[in-house]
Amino acid sequence: MKRRSAILGCAMMFVLAPIGAFAQEATASGLAISGGFMRASPMVAAAGAGFMTIRSTGPEDRLVAFRSPACSQPELHTHVNDNGMMRMRQVDAIDIPAGGEAVLQPGGLHLMFINLTETLEEGAQVPVTLVFEKAGEVAIELPVKRAGAMN
């Protein structure tokens, strides 16, 4: 009986884990995407940000755009120090070096969701399509974590 319970428990973990635990992970031609998330937003927020690590398992590539039904104006952004003041700036692309990685994180590179079409509520999953120069389009879902989450 003990063995049957252990087998059933392992089977249930295997079946249920992909529902939410791995939703922020994806692979594409030469790329591995992991650790993706967004932060919950207050009802009055007009923008949100998405974060993840994009690792090259092959040649270099570039993230050139993204789209999501969660916003009407998706932009790639970074933070820059402008005379002692940290400001966000739009970038044309995010480079992923061959065998290296691009880390999209709070205070650095990130996906900027401008003109949100819905409130980002903790526990939700936001569909996102990443557009790469070489790998093409990669669909991913980003889980929404608490406001202020760092990873």
C-alpha atoms as a PDB file:
ATOM      1  CA  MET A   1       0.000   0.000   0.000  1.00  0.00           C
ATOM      2  CA  LYS A   2       2.861   2.368   0.864  1.00  0.00           C
ATOM      3  CA  ARG A   3       4.485   1.747  -2.518  1.00  0.00           C
ATOM      4  CA  ARG A   4       1.235   2.410  -4.409  1.00  0.00           C
ATOM      5  CA  SER A   5       0.760   5.724  -2.545  1.00  0.00           C
ATOM      6  CA  ALA A   6       4.337   6.777  -3.339  1.00  0.00           C
ATOM      7  CA  ILE A   7       3.884   5.916  -7.023  1.00  0.00           C
ATOM      8  CA  LEU A   8       0.555   7.730  -7.164  1.00  0.00           C
ATOM      9  CA  GLY A   9       2.081  10.775  -5.433  1.00  0.00           C
ATOM     10  CA  CYS A  10       4.978  10.929  -7.913  1.00  0.00           C
ATOM     11  CA  ALA A  11       2.597  10.512 -10.839  1.00  0.00           C
ATOM     12  CA  MET A  12       0.383  13.339  -9.578  1.00  0.00           C
ATOM     13  CA  MET A  13       3.408  15.645  -9.165  1.00  0.00           C
ATOM     14  CA  PHE A  14       4.489  14.854 -12.733  1.00  0.00           C
ATOM     15  CA  VAL A  15       1.023  15.504 -14.140  1.00  0.00           C
ATOM     16  CA  LEU A  16       0.323  18.688 -12.160  1.00  0.00           C
ATOM     17  CA  ALA A  17       3.769  20.374 -12.261  1.00  0.00           C
ATOM     18  CA  PRO A  18       3.557  21.686 -15.857  1.00  0.00           C
ATOM     19  CA  ILE A  19       0.340  23.568 -15.099  1.00  0.00           C
ATOM     20  CA  GLY A  20       2.097  26.400 -13.273  1.00  0.00           C
ATOM     21  CA  ALA A  21       5.586  25.473 -12.152  1.00  0.00           C
ATOM     22  CA  PHE A  22       7.170  25.437 -15.591  1.00  0.00           C
ATOM     23  CA  ALA A  23       4.921  27.896 -17.453  1.00  0.00           C
ATOM     24  CA  GLN A  24       7.687  30.509 -17.525  1.00  0.00           C
ATOM     25  CA  GLU A  25      10.203  28.156 -19.193  1.00  0.00           C
ATOM     26  CA  ALA A  26      10.589  27.482 -22.909  1.00  0.00           C
ATOM     27  CA  THR A  27      13.111  26.344 -25.463  1.00  0.00           C
ATOM     28  CA  ALA A  28      13.539  27.355 -29.064  1.00  0.00           C
ATOM     29  CA  SER A  29      16.167  26.862 -31.725  1.00  0.00           C
ATOM     30  CA  GLY A  30      19.393  27.576 -29.801  1.00  0.00           C
ATOM     31  CA  LEU A  31      17.678  29.291 -26.837  1.00  0.00           C
ATOM     32  CA  ALA A  32      16.542  28.346 -23.337  1.00  0.00           C
ATOM     33  CA  ILE A  33      14.222  30.738 -21.483  1.00  0.00           C
ATOM     34  CA  SER A  34      13.755  30.418 -17.730  1.00  0.00           C
ATOM     35  CA  GLY A  35      12.764  32.244 -14.552  1.00  0.00           C
ATOM     36  CA  GLY A  36      10.166  34.412 -16.254  1.00  0.00           C
ATOM     37  CA  PHE A  37       7.698  36.486 -14.229  1.00  0.00           C
ATOM     38  CA  MET A  38       5.813  39.753 -14.005  1.00  0.00           C
ATOM     39  CA  ARG A  39       4.840  41.806 -10.973  1.00  0.00           C
ATOM     40  CA  ALA A  40       1.268  42.379  -9.859  1.00  0.00           C
ATOM     41  CA  SER A  41       0.040  45.887 -10.622  1.00  0.00           C
ATOM     42  CA  PRO A  42      -2.403  48.159  -8.841  1.00  0.00           C
ATOM     43  CA  MET A  43      -5.701  48.745 -10.628  1.00  0.00           C
ATOM     44  CA  VAL A  44      -4.616  52.238 -11.708  1.00  0.00           C
ATOM     45  CA  ALA A  45      -1.299  51.124 -13.280  1.00  0.00           C
ATOM     46  CA  ALA A  46      -0.924  51.796 -16.990  1.00  0.00           C
ATOM     47  CA  ALA A  47       2.254  49.720 -17.380  1.00  0.00           C
ATOM     48  CA  GLY A  48       3.955  46.570 -16.160  1.00  0.00           C
ATOM     49  CA  ALA A  49       7.263  44.789 -16.684  1.00  0.00           C
ATOM     50  CA  GLY A  50       8.335  41.257 -17.539  1.00  0.00           C
ATOM     51  CA  PHE A  51      11.582  39.553 -16.550  1.00  0.00           C
ATOM     52  CA  MET A  52      13.422  36.318 -17.463  1.00  0.00           C
ATOM     53  CA  THR A  53      16.770  34.820 -18.387  1.00  0.00           C
ATOM     54  CA  ILE A  54      17.397  33.987 -22.040  1.00  0.00           C
ATOM     55  CA  ARG A  55      20.348  31.636 -22.504  1.00  0.00           C
ATOM     56  CA  SER A  56      21.954  30.822 -25.853  1.00  0.00           C
ATOM     57  CA  THR A  57      22.654  27.138 -26.376  1.00  0.00           C
ATOM     58  CA  GLY A  58      23.891  27.859 -29.893  1.00  0.00           C
ATOM     59  CA  PRO A  59      24.822  30.923 -31.930  1.00  0.00           C
ATOM     60  CA  GLU A  60      24.131  34.509 -30.913  1.00  0.00           C
ATOM     61  CA  ASP A  61      20.618  35.844 -31.365  1.00  0.00           C
ATOM     62  CA  ARG A  62      18.667  39.001 -30.576  1.00  0.00           C
ATOM     63  CA  LEU A  63      15.287  39.586 -28.974  1.00  0.00           C
ATOM     64  CA  VAL A  64      13.809  42.173 -31.343  1.00  0.00           C
ATOM     65  CA  ALA A  65      10.206  42.462 -30.107  1.00  0.00           C
ATOM     66  CA  PHE A  66       7.402  40.862 -28.148  1.00  0.00           C
ATOM     67  CA  ARG A  67       3.634  40.993 -28.121  1.00  0.00           C
ATOM     68  CA  SER A  68       0.955  40.163 -25.593  1.00  0.00           C
ATOM     69  CA  PRO A  69      -2.792  40.619 -25.278  1.00  0.00           C
ATOM     70  CA  ALA A  70      -2.021  42.167 -21.851  1.00  0.00           C
ATOM     71  CA  CYS A  71      -0.931  45.484 -23.415  1.00  0.00           C
ATOM     72  CA  SER A  72      -1.361  47.597 -26.517  1.00  0.00           C
ATOM     73  CA  GLN A  73       2.210  48.953 -26.649  1.00  0.00           C
ATOM     74  CA  PRO A  74       4.938  46.360 -25.999  1.00  0.00           C
ATOM     75  CA  GLU A  75       8.506  47.733 -25.811  1.00  0.00           C
ATOM     76  CA  LEU A  76      11.964  46.411 -24.942  1.00  0.00           C
ATOM     77  CA  HIS A  77      13.530  48.561 -22.199  1.00  0.00           C
ATOM     78  CA  THR A  78      16.603  49.090 -20.067  1.00  0.00           C
ATOM     79  CA  HIS A  79      17.502  51.400 -17.180  1.00  0.00           C
ATOM     80  CA  VAL A  80      20.191  54.051 -17.583  1.00  0.00           C
ATOM     81  CA  ASN A  81      21.797  56.445 -15.125  1.00  0.00           C
ATOM     82  CA  ASP A  82      21.006  59.957 -16.367  1.00  0.00           C
ATOM     83  CA  ASN A  83      22.956  62.414 -14.174  1.00  0.00           C
ATOM     84  CA  GLY A  84      22.297  60.392 -11.024  1.00  0.00           C
ATOM     85  CA  MET A  85      18.657  59.643 -11.904  1.00  0.00           C
ATOM     86  CA  MET A  86      17.716  56.122 -13.035  1.00  0.00           C
ATOM     87  CA  ARG A  87      15.463  56.276 -16.080  1.00  0.00           C
ATOM     88  CA  MET A  88      13.926  53.693 -18.369  1.00  0.00           C
ATOM     89  CA  ARG A  89      14.849  53.820 -22.034  1.00  0.00           C
ATOM     90  CA  GLN A  90      13.514  51.863 -24.983  1.00  0.00           C
ATOM     91  CA  VAL A  91      16.060  49.692 -26.832  1.00  0.00           C
ATOM     92  CA  ASP A  92      15.839  48.320 -30.379  1.00  0.00           C
ATOM     93  CA  ALA A  93      16.902  44.794 -29.394  1.00  0.00           C
ATOM     94  CA  ILE A  94      18.413  42.715 -26.604  1.00  0.00           C
ATOM     95  CA  ASP A  95      21.520  40.752 -27.586  1.00  0.00           C
ATOM     96  CA  ILE A  96      21.977  37.139 -26.505  1.00  0.00           C
ATOM     97  CA  PRO A  97      25.651  36.237 -27.086  1.00  0.00           C
ATOM     98  CA  ALA A  98      26.617  32.767 -28.366  1.00  0.00           C
ATOM     99  CA  GLY A  99      26.904  30.493 -25.344  1.00  0.00           C
ATOM    100  CA  GLY A 100      25.932  33.402 -23.071  1.00  0.00           C
ATOM    101  CA  GLU A 101      22.778  34.895 -21.690  1.00  0.00           C
ATOM    102  CA  ALA A 102      20.679  38.024 -21.405  1.00  0.00           C
ATOM    103  CA  VAL A 103      19.215  38.578 -17.945  1.00  0.00           C
ATOM    104  CA  LEU A 104      16.031  40.641 -17.916  1.00  0.00           C
ATOM    105  CA  GLN A 105      15.621  41.795 -14.310  1.00  0.00           C
ATOM    106  CA  PRO A 106      14.281  44.627 -12.170  1.00  0.00           C
ATOM    107  CA  GLY A 107      16.554  47.657 -12.584  1.00  0.00           C
ATOM    108  CA  GLY A 108      17.955  46.412 -15.900  1.00  0.00           C
ATOM    109  CA  LEU A 109      16.742  45.050 -19.216  1.00  0.00           C
ATOM    110  CA  HIS A 110      13.045  44.116 -19.250  1.00  0.00           C
ATOM    111  CA  LEU A 111       9.869  43.741 -21.298  1.00  0.00           C
ATOM    112  CA  MET A 112       7.738  46.872 -20.854  1.00  0.00           C
ATOM    113  CA  PHE A 113       3.973  46.360 -21.112  1.00  0.00           C
ATOM    114  CA  ILE A 114       2.607  49.858 -21.834  1.00  0.00           C
ATOM    115  CA  ASN A 115      -1.144  50.571 -21.874  1.00  0.00           C
ATOM    116  CA  LEU A 116      -2.182  47.482 -19.948  1.00  0.00           C
ATOM    117  CA  THR A 117      -5.441  45.975 -21.156  1.00  0.00           C
ATOM    118  CA  GLU A 118      -6.075  44.315 -17.780  1.00  0.00           C
ATOM    119  CA  THR A 119      -4.917  44.489 -14.172  1.00  0.00           C
ATOM    120  CA  LEU A 120      -1.968  42.185 -13.495  1.00  0.00           C
ATOM    121  CA  GLU A 121      -3.237  40.103 -10.580  1.00  0.00           C
ATOM    122  CA  GLU A 122      -0.968  37.883  -8.511  1.00  0.00           C
ATOM    123  CA  GLY A 123      -1.398  34.249  -9.573  1.00  0.00           C
ATOM    124  CA  ALA A 124      -2.428  35.038 -13.157  1.00  0.00           C
ATOM    125  CA  GLN A 125      -0.557  33.806 -16.230  1.00  0.00           C
ATOM    126  CA  VAL A 126       0.199  36.348 -18.996  1.00  0.00           C
ATOM    127  CA  PRO A 127       0.687  34.994 -22.532  1.00  0.00           C
ATOM    128  CA  VAL A 128       3.671  36.537 -24.322  1.00  0.00           C
ATOM    129  CA  THR A 129       5.179  35.901 -27.740  1.00  0.00           C
ATOM    130  CA  LEU A 130       8.882  36.711 -27.877  1.00  0.00           C
ATOM    131  CA  VAL A 131      10.264  37.561 -31.342  1.00  0.00           C
ATOM    132  CA  PHE A 132      13.896  36.675 -32.025  1.00  0.00           C
ATOM    133  CA  GLU A 133      15.984  37.633 -35.038  1.00  0.00           C
ATOM    134  CA  LYS A 134      17.103  34.023 -35.721  1.00  0.00           C
ATOM    135  CA  ALA A 135      14.966  31.714 -33.561  1.00  0.00           C
ATOM    136  CA  GLY A 136      11.701  33.350 -34.660  1.00  0.00           C
ATOM    137  CA  GLU A 137       8.670  33.452 -32.377  1.00  0.00           C
ATOM    138  CA  VAL A 138       8.553  31.742 -28.995  1.00  0.00           C
ATOM    139  CA  ALA A 139       5.292  31.548 -27.008  1.00  0.00           C
ATOM    140  CA  ILE A 140       5.612  31.668 -23.238  1.00  0.00           C
ATOM    141  CA  GLU A 141       3.403  32.394 -20.230  1.00  0.00           C
ATOM    142  CA  LEU A 142       4.691  34.627 -17.463  1.00  0.00           C
ATOM    143  CA  PRO A 143       3.292  34.077 -13.980  1.00  0.00           C
ATOM    144  CA  VAL A 144       2.306  37.232 -12.123  1.00  0.00           C
ATOM    145  CA  LYS A 145       4.004  37.404  -8.723  1.00  0.00           C
ATOM    146  CA  ARG A 146       3.422  39.829  -5.862  1.00  0.00           C
ATOM    147  CA  ALA A 147       4.109  43.533  -6.374  1.00  0.00           C
ATOM    148  CA  GLY A 148       7.795  44.200  -5.752  1.00  0.00           C
ATOM    149  CA  ALA A 149       8.901  40.601  -6.460  1.00  0.00           C
ATOM    150  CA  MET A 150      12.564  40.384  -7.485  1.00  0.00           C
ATOM    151  CA  ASN A 151      12.536  36.858  -8.941  1.00  0.00           C
END
